[in-house]
Amino acid sequence: MKEYKRCLELVKTYLKDENLKLDEKKLDLLISEELEKPANEMDTHLIDLCLNALVAYRTYMSERDK
C-alpha cells in the first residue's frame, strides 16, 4: 500500500492538485482522457504515473488477497 500511496502523491504533485481525490476509476479515466488526444498533445508522463499507480494498487490487492 505504501507504493500505491507514493504513486498517488506523484500524480497529485504532477497535476499540482494535492486535494485531488484519486482512486482506481479516476486513474483509469485520466489515462483514457490522455489516450483520446492526438499523439502530439498526449501527456505520456501523466499516463506513466497513472499506470505505475494502478500497477502498485493491483499488486497490493493481489498480495493482500493471498
PDB file of N, CA and C in Angstrom:
ATOM      1  N   MET A   1       0.832  -1.202   0.000  1.00  0.00           N
ATOM      2  CA  MET A   1       0.000   0.000   0.000  1.00  0.00           C
ATOM      3  C   MET A   1       0.874   1.262   0.000  1.00  0.00           C
ATOM      4  N   LYS A   2       2.047   1.162   0.595  1.00  0.00           N
ATOM      5  CA  LYS A   2       2.928   2.332   0.619  1.00  0.00           C
ATOM      6  C   LYS A   2       3.277   2.794  -0.792  1.00  0.00           C
ATOM      7  N   GLU A   3       3.588   1.837  -1.651  1.00  0.00           N
ATOM      8  CA  GLU A   3       3.963   2.174  -3.025  1.00  0.00           C
ATOM      9  C   GLU A   3       2.788   2.818  -3.765  1.00  0.00           C
ATOM     10  N   TYR A   4       1.601   2.298  -3.562  1.00  0.00           N
ATOM     11  CA  TYR A   4       0.400   2.863  -4.195  1.00  0.00           C
ATOM     12  C   TYR A   4       0.195   4.303  -3.735  1.00  0.00           C
ATOM     13  N   LYS A   5       0.285   4.537  -2.442  1.00  0.00           N
ATOM     14  CA  LYS A   5       0.100   5.898  -1.924  1.00  0.00           C
ATOM     15  C   LYS A   5       1.179   6.835  -2.446  1.00  0.00           C
ATOM     16  N   ARG A   6       2.410   6.330  -2.534  1.00  0.00           N
ATOM     17  CA  ARG A   6       3.503   7.146  -3.063  1.00  0.00           C
ATOM     18  C   ARG A   6       3.213   7.521  -4.515  1.00  0.00           C
ATOM     19  N   CYS A   7       2.734   6.565  -5.291  1.00  0.00           N
ATOM     20  CA  CYS A   7       2.401   6.818  -6.694  1.00  0.00           C
ATOM     21  C   CYS A   7       1.262   7.824  -6.820  1.00  0.00           C
ATOM     22  N   LEU A   8       0.261   7.712  -5.963  1.00  0.00           N
ATOM     23  CA  LEU A   8      -0.849   8.677  -5.986  1.00  0.00           C
ATOM     24  C   LEU A   8      -0.338  10.084  -5.691  1.00  0.00           C
ATOM     25  N   GLU A   9       0.567  10.196  -4.746  1.00  0.00           N
ATOM     26  CA  GLU A   9       1.123  11.506  -4.415  1.00  0.00           C
ATOM     27  C   GLU A   9       1.900  12.082  -5.594  1.00  0.00           C
ATOM     28  N   LEU A  10       2.598  11.225  -6.334  1.00  0.00           N
ATOM     29  CA  LEU A  10       3.317  11.693  -7.517  1.00  0.00           C
ATOM     30  C   LEU A  10       2.348  12.243  -8.566  1.00  0.00           C
ATOM     31  N   VAL A  11       1.233  11.568  -8.753  1.00  0.00           N
ATOM     32  CA  VAL A  11       0.228  12.048  -9.715  1.00  0.00           C
ATOM     33  C   VAL A  11      -0.329  13.384  -9.243  1.00  0.00           C
ATOM     34  N   LYS A  12      -0.677  13.487  -7.981  1.00  0.00           N
ATOM     35  CA  LYS A  12      -1.224  14.733  -7.443  1.00  0.00           C
ATOM     36  C   LYS A  12      -0.229  15.882  -7.583  1.00  0.00           C
ATOM     37  N   THR A  13       1.029  15.612  -7.279  1.00  0.00           N
ATOM     38  CA  THR A  13       2.071  16.633  -7.388  1.00  0.00           C
ATOM     39  C   THR A  13       2.242  17.058  -8.843  1.00  0.00           C
ATOM     40  N   TYR A  14       2.256  16.082  -9.731  1.00  0.00           N
ATOM     41  CA  TYR A  14       2.415  16.377 -11.151  1.00  0.00           C
ATOM     42  C   TYR A  14       1.261  17.245 -11.656  1.00  0.00           C
ATOM     43  N   LEU A  15       0.063  16.957 -11.200  1.00  0.00           N
ATOM     44  CA  LEU A  15      -1.118  17.724 -11.612  1.00  0.00           C
ATOM     45  C   LEU A  15      -1.267  19.020 -10.814  1.00  0.00           C
ATOM     46  N   LYS A  16      -0.403  19.209  -9.828  1.00  0.00           N
ATOM     47  CA  LYS A  16      -0.423  20.401  -8.967  1.00  0.00           C
ATOM     48  C   LYS A  16      -1.765  20.560  -8.256  1.00  0.00           C
ATOM     49  N   ASP A  17      -2.285  19.431  -7.767  1.00  0.00           N
ATOM     50  CA  ASP A  17      -3.569  19.431  -7.055  1.00  0.00           C
ATOM     51  C   ASP A  17      -3.506  18.414  -5.923  1.00  0.00           C
ATOM     52  N   GLU A  18      -3.021  18.851  -4.784  1.00  0.00           N
ATOM     53  CA  GLU A  18      -2.861  17.955  -3.633  1.00  0.00           C
ATOM     54  C   GLU A  18      -4.197  17.501  -3.045  1.00  0.00           C
ATOM     55  N   ASN A  19      -5.283  18.188  -3.379  1.00  0.00           N
ATOM     56  CA  ASN A  19      -6.601  17.831  -2.846  1.00  0.00           C
ATOM     57  C   ASN A  19      -7.386  16.900  -3.767  1.00  0.00           C
ATOM     58  N   LEU A  20      -6.810  16.562  -4.892  1.00  0.00           N
ATOM     59  CA  LEU A  20      -7.470  15.689  -5.858  1.00  0.00           C
ATOM     60  C   LEU A  20      -7.726  14.320  -5.240  1.00  0.00           C
ATOM     61  N   LYS A  21      -8.942  13.847  -5.365  1.00  0.00           N
ATOM     62  CA  LYS A  21      -9.311  12.522  -4.861  1.00  0.00           C
ATOM     63  C   LYS A  21      -9.056  11.512  -5.968  1.00  0.00           C
ATOM     64  N   LEU A  22      -8.077  10.658  -5.760  1.00  0.00           N
ATOM     65  CA  LEU A  22      -7.724   9.663  -6.767  1.00  0.00           C
ATOM     66  C   LEU A  22      -8.052   8.262  -6.277  1.00  0.00           C
ATOM     67  N   ASP A  23      -8.575   7.472  -7.181  1.00  0.00           N
ATOM     68  CA  ASP A  23      -8.794   6.057  -6.918  1.00  0.00           C
ATOM     69  C   ASP A  23      -8.590   5.331  -8.245  1.00  0.00           C
ATOM     70  N   GLU A  24      -8.828   4.043  -8.252  1.00  0.00           N
ATOM     71  CA  GLU A  24      -8.591   3.245  -9.444  1.00  0.00           C
ATOM     72  C   GLU A  24      -9.398   3.766 -10.642  1.00  0.00           C
ATOM     73  N   LYS A  25     -10.650   4.121 -10.426  1.00  0.00           N
ATOM     74  CA  LYS A  25     -11.501   4.603 -11.524  1.00  0.00           C
ATOM     75  C   LYS A  25     -11.012   5.941 -12.067  1.00  0.00           C
ATOM     76  N   LYS A  26     -10.602   6.839 -11.165  1.00  0.00           N
ATOM     77  CA  LYS A  26     -10.127   8.157 -11.592  1.00  0.00           C
ATOM     78  C   LYS A  26      -8.818   8.011 -12.376  1.00  0.00           C
ATOM     79  N   LEU A  27      -7.948   7.105 -11.943  1.00  0.00           N
ATOM     80  CA  LEU A  27      -6.697   6.874 -12.669  1.00  0.00           C
ATOM     81  C   LEU A  27      -6.997   6.338 -14.073  1.00  0.00           C
ATOM     82  N   ASP A  28      -7.920   5.390 -14.168  1.00  0.00           N
ATOM     83  CA  ASP A  28      -8.325   4.856 -15.474  1.00  0.00           C
ATOM     84  C   ASP A  28      -8.882   5.968 -16.361  1.00  0.00           C
ATOM     85  N   LEU A  29      -9.684   6.848 -15.780  1.00  0.00           N
ATOM     86  CA  LEU A  29     -10.271   7.956 -16.524  1.00  0.00           C
ATOM     87  C   LEU A  29      -9.194   8.916 -17.036  1.00  0.00           C
ATOM     88  N   LEU A  30      -8.233   9.247 -16.184  1.00  0.00           N
ATOM     89  CA  LEU A  30      -7.141  10.133 -16.602  1.00  0.00           C
ATOM     90  C   LEU A  30      -6.375   9.531 -17.774  1.00  0.00           C
ATOM     91  N   ILE A  31      -6.104   8.238 -17.709  1.00  0.00           N
ATOM     92  CA  ILE A  31      -5.390   7.560 -18.789  1.00  0.00           C
ATOM     93  C   ILE A  31      -6.231   7.600 -20.067  1.00  0.00           C
ATOM     94  N   SER A  32      -7.495   7.262 -19.953  1.00  0.00           N
ATOM     95  CA  SER A  32      -8.381   7.256 -21.124  1.00  0.00           C
ATOM     96  C   SER A  32      -8.464   8.631 -21.775  1.00  0.00           C
ATOM     97  N   GLU A  33      -8.577   9.661 -20.956  1.00  0.00           N
ATOM     98  CA  GLU A  33      -8.659  11.021 -21.487  1.00  0.00           C
ATOM     99  C   GLU A  33      -7.399  11.386 -22.265  1.00  0.00           C
ATOM    100  N   GLU A  34      -6.253  11.006 -21.728  1.00  0.00           N
ATOM    101  CA  GLU A  34      -4.998  11.305 -22.409  1.00  0.00           C
ATOM    102  C   GLU A  34      -4.864  10.512 -23.704  1.00  0.00           C
ATOM    103  N   LEU A  35      -5.286   9.249 -23.695  1.00  0.00           N
ATOM    104  CA  LEU A  35      -5.166   8.403 -24.878  1.00  0.00           C
ATOM    105  C   LEU A  35      -6.102   8.833 -26.001  1.00  0.00           C
ATOM    106  N   GLU A  36      -7.145   9.576 -25.673  1.00  0.00           N
ATOM    107  CA  GLU A  36      -8.074  10.080 -26.694  1.00  0.00           C
ATOM    108  C   GLU A  36      -7.515  11.289 -27.434  1.00  0.00           C
ATOM    109  N   LYS A  37      -6.496  11.912 -26.884  1.00  0.00           N
ATOM    110  CA  LYS A  37      -5.903  13.096 -27.503  1.00  0.00           C
ATOM    111  C   LYS A  37      -4.992  12.678 -28.658  1.00  0.00           C
ATOM    112  N   PRO A  38      -4.770  13.598 -29.591  1.00  0.00           N
ATOM    113  CA  PRO A  38      -3.783  13.317 -30.645  1.00  0.00           C
ATOM    114  C   PRO A  38      -2.407  13.050 -30.010  1.00  0.00           C
ATOM    115  N   ALA A  39      -1.602  12.249 -30.666  1.00  0.00           N
ATOM    116  CA  ALA A  39      -0.305  11.834 -30.110  1.00  0.00           C
ATOM    117  C   ALA A  39       0.565  13.003 -29.680  1.00  0.00           C
ATOM    118  N   ASN A  40       0.544  14.094 -30.434  1.00  0.00           N
ATOM    119  CA  ASN A  40       1.398  15.238 -30.100  1.00  0.00           C
ATOM    120  C   ASN A  40       0.876  16.056 -28.915  1.00  0.00           C
ATOM    121  N   GLU A  41      -0.365  15.804 -28.477  1.00  0.00           N
ATOM    122  CA  GLU A  41      -0.937  16.514 -27.329  1.00  0.00           C
ATOM    123  C   GLU A  41      -1.013  15.638 -26.081  1.00  0.00           C
ATOM    124  N   MET A  42      -0.790  14.354 -26.252  1.00  0.00           N
ATOM    125  CA  MET A  42      -0.897  13.392 -25.163  1.00  0.00           C
ATOM    126  C   MET A  42       0.207  13.635 -24.126  1.00  0.00           C
ATOM    127  N   ASP A  43      -0.151  13.553 -22.857  1.00  0.00           N
ATOM    128  CA  ASP A  43       0.825  13.707 -21.773  1.00  0.00           C
ATOM    129  C   ASP A  43       1.278  12.303 -21.345  1.00  0.00           C
ATOM    130  N   THR A  44       2.345  11.840 -21.987  1.00  0.00           N
ATOM    131  CA  THR A  44       2.805  10.469 -21.729  1.00  0.00           C
ATOM    132  C   THR A  44       3.363  10.310 -20.317  1.00  0.00           C
ATOM    133  N   HIS A  45       3.887  11.384 -19.760  1.00  0.00           N
ATOM    134  CA  HIS A  45       4.394  11.297 -18.384  1.00  0.00           C
ATOM    135  C   HIS A  45       3.239  11.055 -17.405  1.00  0.00           C
ATOM    136  N   LEU A  46       2.138  11.753 -17.609  1.00  0.00           N
ATOM    137  CA  LEU A  46       0.965  11.551 -16.764  1.00  0.00           C
ATOM    138  C   LEU A  46       0.439  10.121 -16.920  1.00  0.00           C
ATOM    139  N   ILE A  47       0.412   9.622 -18.138  1.00  0.00           N
ATOM    140  CA  ILE A  47      -0.031   8.248 -18.373  1.00  0.00           C
ATOM    141  C   ILE A  47       0.870   7.273 -17.610  1.00  0.00           C
ATOM    142  N   ASP A  48       2.172   7.475 -17.691  1.00  0.00           N
ATOM    143  CA  ASP A  48       3.117   6.607 -16.971  1.00  0.00           C
ATOM    144  C   ASP A  48       2.885   6.647 -15.469  1.00  0.00           C
ATOM    145  N   LEU A  49       2.686   7.840 -14.928  1.00  0.00           N
ATOM    146  CA  LEU A  49       2.452   7.969 -13.488  1.00  0.00           C
ATOM    147  C   LEU A  49       1.182   7.229 -13.074  1.00  0.00           C
ATOM    148  N   CYS A  50       0.126   7.387 -13.858  1.00  0.00           N
ATOM    149  CA  CYS A  50      -1.139   6.722 -13.549  1.00  0.00           C
ATOM    150  C   CYS A  50      -1.009   5.203 -13.671  1.00  0.00           C
ATOM    151  N   LEU A  51      -0.318   4.744 -14.707  1.00  0.00           N
ATOM    152  CA  LEU A  51      -0.110   3.304 -14.869  1.00  0.00           C
ATOM    153  C   LEU A  51       0.697   2.730 -13.710  1.00  0.00           C
ATOM    154  N   ASN A  52       1.720   3.449 -13.282  1.00  0.00           N
ATOM    155  CA  ASN A  52       2.517   2.995 -12.131  1.00  0.00           C
ATOM    156  C   ASN A  52       1.648   2.870 -10.886  1.00  0.00           C
ATOM    157  N   ALA A  53       0.766   3.831 -10.679  1.00  0.00           N
ATOM    158  CA  ALA A  53      -0.133   3.792  -9.523  1.00  0.00           C
ATOM    159  C   ALA A  53      -1.088   2.605  -9.622  1.00  0.00           C
ATOM    160  N   LEU A  54      -1.615   2.350 -10.799  1.00  0.00           N
ATOM    161  CA  LEU A  54      -2.530   1.221 -10.979  1.00  0.00           C
ATOM    162  C   LEU A  54      -1.819  -0.111 -10.755  1.00  0.00           C
ATOM    163  N   VAL A  55      -0.609  -0.231 -11.262  1.00  0.00           N
ATOM    164  CA  VAL A  55       0.163  -1.461 -11.051  1.00  0.00           C
ATOM    165  C   VAL A  55       0.440  -1.654  -9.566  1.00  0.00           C
ATOM    166  N   ALA A  56       0.823  -0.591  -8.879  1.00  0.00           N
ATOM    167  CA  ALA A  56       1.090  -0.685  -7.433  1.00  0.00           C
ATOM    168  C   ALA A  56      -0.177  -1.083  -6.679  1.00  0.00           C
ATOM    169  N   TYR A  57      -1.311  -0.527  -7.073  1.00  0.00           N
ATOM    170  CA  TYR A  57      -2.576  -0.855  -6.421  1.00  0.00           C
ATOM    171  C   TYR A  57      -2.939  -2.319  -6.652  1.00  0.00           C
ATOM    172  N   ARG A  58      -2.836  -2.755  -7.876  1.00  0.00           N
ATOM    173  CA  ARG A  58      -3.208  -4.133  -8.199  1.00  0.00           C
ATOM    174  C   ARG A  58      -2.249  -5.130  -7.569  1.00  0.00           C
ATOM    175  N   THR A  59      -0.990  -4.770  -7.459  1.00  0.00           N
ATOM    176  CA  THR A  59      -0.022  -5.623  -6.772  1.00  0.00           C
ATOM    177  C   THR A  59      -0.386  -5.738  -5.298  1.00  0.00           C
ATOM    178  N   TYR A  60      -0.706  -4.607  -4.702  1.00  0.00           N
ATOM    179  CA  TYR A  60      -1.105  -4.602  -3.292  1.00  0.00           C
ATOM    180  C   TYR A  60      -2.346  -5.478  -3.083  1.00  0.00           C
ATOM    181  N   MET A  61      -3.352  -5.308  -3.936  1.00  0.00           N
ATOM    182  CA  MET A  61      -4.589  -6.085  -3.788  1.00  0.00           C
ATOM    183  C   MET A  61      -4.329  -7.564  -3.987  1.00  0.00           C
ATOM    184  N   SER A  62      -3.484  -7.916  -4.909  1.00  0.00           N
ATOM    185  CA  SER A  62      -3.162  -9.304  -5.181  1.00  0.00           C
ATOM    186  C   SER A  62      -2.444  -9.939  -3.987  1.00  0.00           C
ATOM    187  N   GLU A  63      -1.502  -9.222  -3.402  1.00  0.00           N
ATOM    188  CA  GLU A  63      -0.753  -9.729  -2.243  1.00  0.00           C
ATOM    189  C   GLU A  63      -1.659  -9.800  -1.025  1.00  0.00           C
ATOM    190  N   ARG A  64      -2.550  -8.858  -0.899  1.00  0.00           N
ATOM    191  CA  ARG A  64      -3.465  -8.828   0.246  1.00  0.00           C
ATOM    192  C   ARG A  64      -4.435 -10.019   0.222  1.00  0.00           C
ATOM    193  N   ASP A  65      -4.841 -10.394  -0.981  1.00  0.00           N
ATOM    194  CA  ASP A  65      -5.814 -11.475  -1.121  1.00  0.00           C
ATOM    195  C   ASP A  65      -5.204 -12.871  -0.987  1.00  0.00           C
ATOM    196  N   LYS A  66      -3.902 -12.960  -0.897  1.00  0.00           N
ATOM    197  CA  LYS A  66      -3.257 -14.280  -0.768  1.00  0.00           C
ATOM    198  C   LYS A  66      -3.423 -14.858   0.608  1.00  0.00           C
TER     199      LYS A  66
END
